[in-house]
């Protein structure tokens, strides 16, 4: 079965979805791949799946995938294996994948495989390796082909953030972000903290513990073009996204300046912690050898992330989770140290400037 992302994504946000078998998502829009994983994760967790990621560094890596799926006994929980990389399976693996898919359809097992690949052209889609996914599994085209699809997806995200934009506001948003999907999504995220802070904070907490529930109807906050204009103007100084750029570039002076401004304008500490922890996690994953595109890192920012990796050592990054945990405790009032003090320490640590021993 083959679907476009815009066809498949809304269905995956419903409470009951069959996730067993083969899944293939191909496209050059990393954000869509991440949204797909975020939509599938609640179904995997609801069905007690053990989630594992495997990167294909060669054709032989497919044996690791097959071994993971074959290692489960009758009494073990099922596995959901997220596969990244563009190494195509050989003839023997294709036969195993086809057998796996057929057994999934007959209920012999309940394992799930999601393979994330770059965009596949028509010639690739007619290849033998593509057949098990197309005939016995689910193929999702993670590409956007027109402006209408982009706005449809962003409207879904706006609803999840508790926002409802007028048509004029949508036009301004797309113009302001130059029709860039990630920029528009980030702007919606910021708007949610301005106009629906309780929902945004709740959503952020769910993201942190990786236990998102399925999308539920919410009382959306209606925004017109005047609301959006005022928000964009008030956001014209610094945002957490400016903080991210400064941290990755190693500009500790700019990091301190932005942090002081964010504190002065009462930027939510949860949002600042989200920005710092996201970059820290991605740097740790990159230093472990993971592919930046598979992590959803935009190509224009991959150089900044690589620059940040070169400033760090695994000994120092191993201390980051404990620092982030203390930041979270301070924000929640569980320890007496000021939250902004710890957030500044974490931001400067990421930029390469250590204030205190972690």
Protein backbone atom coordinates (compact mmCIF):
# COMPACT_ATOMS: atom_id res chain seq x y z
CA UNK A 1 0.00 0.00 0.00
CA UNK A 2 1.39 3.40 -0.99
CA UNK A 3 0.27 6.74 0.45
CA UNK A 4 1.43 10.31 0.45
CA UNK A 5 2.34 11.77 3.82
CA UNK A 6 -0.69 14.05 3.82
CA UNK A 7 -2.93 10.97 3.34
CA UNK A 8 -1.25 8.83 5.98
CA UNK A 9 -0.40 11.30 8.75
CA UNK A 10 -3.93 12.26 9.93
CA UNK A 11 -4.86 8.56 10.13
CA UNK A 12 -1.84 7.83 12.31
CA UNK A 13 -3.03 10.44 14.83
CA UNK A 14 -6.16 8.36 15.51
CA UNK A 15 -6.27 6.07 18.58
CA UNK A 16 -6.30 2.68 16.81
CA UNK A 17 -3.78 1.95 14.07
CA UNK A 18 -2.26 -1.38 13.00
CA UNK A 19 1.52 -0.94 13.01
CA UNK A 20 2.68 -4.51 12.45
CA UNK A 21 4.81 -5.34 9.41
CA UNK A 22 6.95 -3.40 6.96
CA UNK A 23 6.91 0.39 6.68
CA UNK A 24 8.98 2.47 4.28
CA UNK A 25 9.08 6.28 4.38
CA UNK A 26 11.07 8.03 1.67
CA UNK A 27 11.64 11.75 1.19
CA UNK A 28 14.05 14.66 1.51
CA UNK A 29 12.08 16.50 4.22
CA UNK A 30 13.56 15.38 7.59
CA UNK A 31 10.81 17.08 9.57
CA UNK A 32 8.17 14.82 8.00
CA UNK A 33 10.18 11.73 8.93
CA UNK A 34 10.32 12.95 12.52
CA UNK A 35 6.58 13.67 12.56
CA UNK A 36 5.98 10.15 11.26
CA UNK A 37 8.01 8.63 14.09
CA UNK A 38 6.24 10.87 16.61
CA UNK A 39 2.87 9.68 15.26
CA UNK A 40 3.83 5.99 15.36
CA UNK A 41 5.51 6.06 18.78
CA UNK A 42 2.26 6.21 20.84
CA UNK A 43 0.95 3.15 18.96
CA UNK A 44 4.18 1.26 19.59
CA UNK A 45 4.12 2.16 23.28
CA UNK A 46 0.43 1.36 23.65
CA UNK A 47 1.17 -2.13 22.31
CA UNK A 48 4.30 -2.57 24.49
CA UNK A 49 6.75 -2.52 21.61
CA UNK A 50 10.47 -2.41 22.36
CA UNK A 51 11.75 0.45 20.17
CA UNK A 52 15.23 0.24 18.68
CA UNK A 53 17.16 2.21 16.05
CA UNK A 54 19.58 0.59 13.61
CA UNK A 55 21.71 2.54 11.12
CA UNK A 56 22.66 0.83 7.86
CA UNK A 57 26.39 1.37 7.45
CA UNK A 58 26.57 -1.36 4.78
CA UNK A 59 24.39 -4.03 3.19
CA UNK A 60 25.51 -6.40 5.95
CA UNK A 61 23.74 -4.18 8.49
CA UNK A 62 20.46 -5.73 7.35
CA UNK A 63 21.54 -8.89 9.18
CA UNK A 64 21.44 -6.88 12.41
CA UNK A 65 17.86 -5.88 11.59
CA UNK A 66 16.85 -9.48 10.91
CA UNK A 67 18.64 -10.68 14.05
CA UNK A 68 16.79 -8.15 16.17
CA UNK A 69 13.46 -9.32 14.79
CA UNK A 70 14.36 -12.99 15.15
CA UNK A 71 15.71 -12.73 18.69
CA UNK A 72 12.30 -12.36 20.31
CA UNK A 73 10.73 -15.40 21.96
CA UNK A 74 7.04 -16.15 22.03
CA UNK A 75 6.70 -14.44 25.41
CA UNK A 76 8.71 -11.29 24.66
CA UNK A 77 7.21 -7.95 23.71
CA UNK A 78 7.24 -7.16 20.01
CA UNK A 79 9.95 -4.95 18.51
CA UNK A 80 9.62 -1.76 16.51
CA UNK A 81 12.87 -1.25 14.59
CA UNK A 82 13.59 2.17 13.07
CA UNK A 83 16.10 1.69 10.25
CA UNK A 84 18.06 4.61 8.74
CA UNK A 85 20.49 4.63 5.85
CA UNK A 86 20.26 4.05 2.13
CA UNK A 87 21.93 0.64 1.70
CA UNK A 88 19.53 -1.55 -0.26
CA UNK A 89 18.94 -5.15 0.90
CA UNK A 90 20.41 -7.98 -1.17
CA UNK A 91 18.47 -10.89 -2.66
CA UNK A 92 18.59 -13.03 0.48
CA UNK A 93 17.45 -10.18 2.74
CA UNK A 94 14.65 -9.26 0.31
CA UNK A 95 13.34 -12.82 0.62
CA UNK A 96 13.47 -12.57 4.43
CA UNK A 97 11.69 -9.21 4.42
CA UNK A 98 8.97 -10.61 2.19
CA UNK A 99 8.52 -13.58 4.52
CA UNK A 100 8.45 -11.19 7.49
CA UNK A 101 5.75 -9.07 5.83
CA UNK A 102 3.56 -12.05 4.91
CA UNK A 103 3.82 -13.47 8.44
CA UNK A 104 2.84 -10.06 9.82
CA UNK A 105 -0.28 -10.08 7.66
CA UNK A 106 -1.24 -13.56 8.87
CA UNK A 107 -0.69 -12.66 12.51
CA UNK A 108 2.32 -14.94 13.05
CA UNK A 109 4.16 -12.07 14.74
CA UNK A 110 3.52 -8.41 15.61
CA UNK A 111 6.95 -6.86 14.93
CA UNK A 112 7.25 -3.59 13.02
CA UNK A 113 10.04 -2.25 10.79
CA UNK A 114 10.16 1.39 9.70
CA UNK A 115 12.85 2.18 7.12
CA UNK A 116 13.58 5.88 6.54
CA UNK A 117 15.27 6.58 3.20
CA UNK A 118 15.92 9.57 0.92
CA UNK A 119 13.43 10.21 -1.87
CA UNK A 120 13.06 7.25 -4.23
CA UNK A 121 12.37 7.92 -7.91
CA UNK A 122 10.10 5.80 -10.12
CA UNK A 123 12.97 3.61 -11.24
CA UNK A 124 13.89 2.78 -7.65
CA UNK A 125 10.25 2.09 -6.83
CA UNK A 126 10.19 -0.58 -9.54
CA UNK A 127 13.26 -2.34 -8.11
CA UNK A 128 13.04 -5.74 -6.43
CA UNK A 129 14.06 -4.39 -3.01
CA UNK A 130 11.03 -2.06 -3.04
CA UNK A 131 8.53 -4.87 -3.74
CA UNK A 132 8.05 -6.30 -0.21
CA UNK A 133 7.22 -2.85 1.14
CA UNK A 134 4.88 -1.89 -1.70
CA UNK A 135 3.03 -5.23 -1.97
CA UNK A 136 2.92 -6.41 1.63
CA UNK A 137 3.67 -3.33 3.72
CA UNK A 138 3.06 0.41 3.85
CA UNK A 139 4.99 2.96 1.77
CA UNK A 140 4.71 6.65 2.67
CA UNK A 141 5.95 9.35 0.31
CA UNK A 142 7.38 11.97 2.70
CA UNK A 143 7.57 14.79 0.16
CA UNK A 144 5.45 17.89 -0.29
CA UNK A 145 4.41 18.70 -3.83
CA UNK A 146 2.40 21.91 -3.44
CA UNK A 147 1.67 24.76 -1.06
CA UNK A 148 -1.72 23.35 -0.12
CA UNK A 149 -0.15 20.20 1.35
CA UNK A 150 2.30 22.29 3.38
CA UNK A 151 -0.49 24.38 4.88
CA UNK A 152 -2.63 21.31 5.59
CA UNK A 153 0.16 19.76 7.65
CA UNK A 154 0.88 23.00 9.47
CA UNK A 155 -2.81 23.35 10.30
CA UNK A 156 -2.66 19.94 11.98
CA UNK A 157 0.35 21.07 13.99
CA UNK A 158 -1.37 24.35 14.88
CA UNK A 159 -4.35 22.39 16.20
CA UNK A 160 -2.03 20.25 18.34
CA UNK A 161 -0.54 23.48 19.71
CA UNK A 162 -4.03 24.80 20.52
CA UNK A 163 -4.07 27.46 17.78
CA UNK A 164 -6.46 28.34 14.97
CA UNK A 165 -5.21 30.93 12.47
CA UNK A 166 -7.37 32.97 10.13
CA UNK A 167 -6.67 32.74 6.41
CA UNK A 168 -4.97 36.15 6.45
CA UNK A 169 -2.82 35.06 9.38
CA UNK A 170 -1.82 31.93 7.48
CA UNK A 171 -0.79 34.02 4.49
CA UNK A 172 1.33 36.26 6.73
CA UNK A 173 2.91 33.26 8.47
CA UNK A 174 3.90 31.61 5.18
CA UNK A 175 5.23 34.88 3.81
CA UNK A 176 7.18 35.62 6.99
CA UNK A 177 8.80 32.14 6.95
CA UNK A 178 9.32 32.19 3.17
CA UNK A 179 7.18 29.05 2.79
CA UNK A 180 9.81 27.07 4.73
CA UNK A 181 8.18 24.16 6.58
CA UNK A 182 10.56 24.01 9.53
CA UNK A 183 10.57 27.79 10.04
CA UNK A 184 6.77 27.91 9.95
CA UNK A 185 6.56 25.02 12.43
CA UNK A 186 9.02 26.73 14.78
CA UNK A 187 6.98 29.94 14.58
CA UNK A 188 3.82 28.02 15.50
CA UNK A 189 5.69 26.54 18.46
CA UNK A 190 6.64 30.02 19.66
CA UNK A 191 3.09 31.26 19.16
CA UNK A 192 1.78 28.43 21.32
CA UNK A 193 3.87 29.69 24.23
CA UNK A 194 2.45 33.19 23.76
CA UNK A 195 -1.22 32.33 23.29
CA UNK A 196 -1.68 28.80 24.69
CA UNK A 197 1.08 28.45 27.33
CA UNK A 198 -0.68 25.82 29.46
CA UNK A 199 -1.16 23.51 26.48
CA UNK A 200 2.38 24.16 25.24
CA UNK A 201 3.89 23.35 28.62
CA UNK A 202 1.84 20.17 28.84
CA UNK A 203 2.93 19.13 25.35
CA UNK A 204 6.57 19.80 26.25
CA UNK A 205 6.31 17.62 29.36
CA UNK A 206 4.87 14.80 27.27
CA UNK A 207 7.70 15.13 24.76
CA UNK A 208 10.26 14.89 27.55
CA UNK A 209 8.93 11.59 28.90
CA UNK A 210 8.32 10.20 25.39
CA UNK A 211 4.77 9.11 26.28
CA UNK A 212 2.64 11.22 24.00
CA UNK A 213 -1.00 10.32 23.86
CA UNK A 214 -2.96 10.51 20.67
CA UNK A 215 -4.12 13.93 19.54
CA UNK A 216 -7.21 15.00 21.45
CA UNK A 217 -9.63 17.78 20.55
CA UNK A 218 -8.73 21.05 22.27
CA UNK A 219 -10.31 24.46 22.60
CA UNK A 220 -8.14 26.27 20.08
CA UNK A 221 -7.16 29.90 20.50
CA UNK A 222 -8.23 31.89 17.44
CA UNK A 223 -5.55 34.20 16.01
CA UNK A 224 -6.13 36.85 13.37
CA UNK A 225 -3.56 38.79 11.36
CA UNK A 226 -3.26 41.52 14.04
CA UNK A 227 -2.40 38.94 16.71
CA UNK A 228 0.23 37.39 14.46
CA UNK A 229 1.74 40.75 13.49
CA UNK A 230 2.06 41.75 17.15
CA UNK A 231 3.65 38.40 18.03
CA UNK A 232 6.17 38.59 15.19
CA UNK A 233 7.15 42.13 16.17
CA UNK A 234 7.53 41.22 19.85
CA UNK A 235 9.67 38.27 18.80
CA UNK A 236 12.00 40.42 16.69
CA UNK A 237 14.78 40.65 19.30
CA UNK A 238 15.95 37.19 20.33
CA UNK A 239 14.32 33.77 20.50
CA UNK A 240 15.42 30.33 21.65
CA UNK A 241 16.28 29.61 18.01
CA UNK A 242 18.78 32.50 18.07
CA UNK A 243 20.12 30.95 21.27
CA UNK A 244 20.55 27.63 19.48
CA UNK A 245 22.56 29.24 16.67
CA UNK A 246 24.81 31.08 19.13
CA UNK A 247 25.44 27.96 21.22
CA UNK A 248 26.29 25.85 18.19
CA UNK A 249 28.59 28.56 16.81
CA UNK A 250 30.47 28.71 20.10
CA UNK A 251 29.73 32.42 20.58
CA UNK A 252 29.61 32.47 24.39
CA UNK A 253 29.28 36.28 24.56
CA UNK A 254 26.20 36.18 22.35
CA UNK A 255 24.83 33.22 24.33
CA UNK A 256 25.03 35.22 27.57
CA UNK A 257 23.45 38.27 25.91
CA UNK A 258 20.53 36.25 24.55
CA UNK A 259 19.99 34.44 27.85
CA UNK A 260 19.80 37.73 29.77
CA UNK A 261 17.30 39.10 27.24
CA UNK A 262 15.18 35.92 27.38
CA UNK A 263 15.10 36.16 31.15
CA UNK A 264 14.20 39.87 31.05
CA UNK A 265 11.28 39.20 28.70
CA UNK A 266 10.02 36.26 30.80
CA UNK A 267 10.63 33.63 28.14
CA UNK A 268 9.26 30.33 29.53
CA UNK A 269 12.11 28.42 31.18
CA UNK A 270 10.65 25.17 29.85
CA UNK A 271 11.11 26.43 26.28
CA UNK A 272 14.71 27.49 26.96
CA UNK A 273 15.47 24.08 28.48
CA UNK A 274 13.87 22.39 25.47
CA UNK A 275 16.18 24.30 23.09
CA UNK A 276 19.32 23.50 25.10
CA UNK A 277 18.46 19.84 25.69
CA UNK A 278 17.54 19.30 22.02
CA UNK A 279 20.92 20.55 20.85
CA UNK A 280 22.78 18.64 23.55
CA UNK A 281 21.03 15.39 22.66
CA UNK A 282 21.74 15.84 18.96
CA UNK A 283 25.43 16.60 19.60
CA UNK A 284 25.71 13.44 21.72
CA UNK A 285 24.03 11.41 18.96
CA UNK A 286 26.29 12.90 16.28
CA UNK A 287 29.38 12.10 18.33
CA UNK A 288 28.10 8.53 18.57
CA UNK A 289 28.20 8.39 14.77
CA UNK A 290 24.55 8.93 13.90
CA UNK A 291 23.58 10.51 10.59
CA UNK A 292 22.62 14.22 10.91
CA UNK A 293 19.90 13.92 8.26
CA UNK A 294 18.35 10.96 10.06
CA UNK A 295 18.27 13.09 13.22
CA UNK A 296 16.25 15.74 11.40
CA UNK A 297 19.07 18.29 11.36
CA UNK A 298 18.53 20.76 8.53
CA UNK A 299 21.35 20.77 5.97
CA UNK A 300 21.98 24.47 6.47
CA UNK A 301 22.72 23.80 10.17
CA UNK A 302 24.75 20.61 9.84
CA UNK A 303 27.99 22.61 9.64
CA UNK A 304 27.17 24.35 12.94
CA UNK A 305 26.48 21.02 14.64
CA UNK A 306 29.74 19.52 13.34
CA UNK A 307 31.59 22.61 14.59
CA UNK A 308 29.98 22.15 18.01
CA UNK A 309 30.97 18.47 18.07
CA UNK A 310 34.63 19.35 17.47
CA UNK A 311 34.61 21.58 20.58
CA UNK A 312 33.43 18.78 22.84
CA UNK A 313 34.71 15.46 24.15
CA UNK A 314 32.72 12.39 25.09
CA UNK A 315 33.90 12.83 28.68
CA UNK A 316 32.26 16.26 28.84
CA UNK A 317 29.06 15.33 26.98
CA UNK A 318 28.60 12.35 29.33
CA UNK A 319 27.99 14.91 32.09
CA UNK A 320 25.26 16.78 30.19
CA UNK A 321 22.24 14.60 31.16
CA UNK A 322 22.92 15.26 34.85
CA UNK A 323 23.12 19.02 34.20
CA UNK A 324 19.87 18.98 32.21
CA UNK A 325 18.21 17.02 35.02
CA UNK A 326 19.25 19.69 37.54
CA UNK A 327 17.85 22.39 35.24
CA UNK A 328 14.54 20.54 35.11
CA UNK A 329 14.52 20.15 38.90
CA UNK A 330 15.19 23.88 39.36
CA UNK A 331 12.39 24.83 36.97
CA UNK A 332 9.98 22.61 38.91
CA UNK A 333 11.16 24.03 42.24
CA UNK A 334 12.58 20.72 43.47
CA UNK A 335 15.98 22.24 44.24
CA UNK A 336 16.78 25.75 45.55
CA UNK A 337 19.29 26.79 42.87
CA UNK A 338 17.86 29.46 40.49
CA UNK A 339 16.68 27.94 37.20
CA UNK A 340 18.09 30.73 35.03
CA UNK A 341 21.52 30.30 36.63
CA UNK A 342 21.60 26.62 35.70
CA UNK A 343 20.20 27.28 32.23
CA UNK A 344 22.97 29.81 31.58
CA UNK A 345 25.54 27.29 32.79
CA UNK A 346 24.13 24.66 30.41
CA UNK A 347 23.98 27.06 27.45
CA UNK A 348 27.59 28.16 27.96
CA UNK A 349 28.67 24.55 28.44
CA UNK A 350 27.23 23.71 25.04
CA UNK A 351 28.98 26.71 23.48
CA UNK A 352 32.31 25.41 24.82
CA UNK A 353 32.70 27.72 27.84
CA UNK A 354 32.62 25.84 31.14
CA UNK A 355 31.74 27.93 34.19
CA UNK A 356 31.78 25.26 36.86
CA UNK A 357 32.52 21.56 37.07
CA UNK A 358 29.35 19.69 36.11
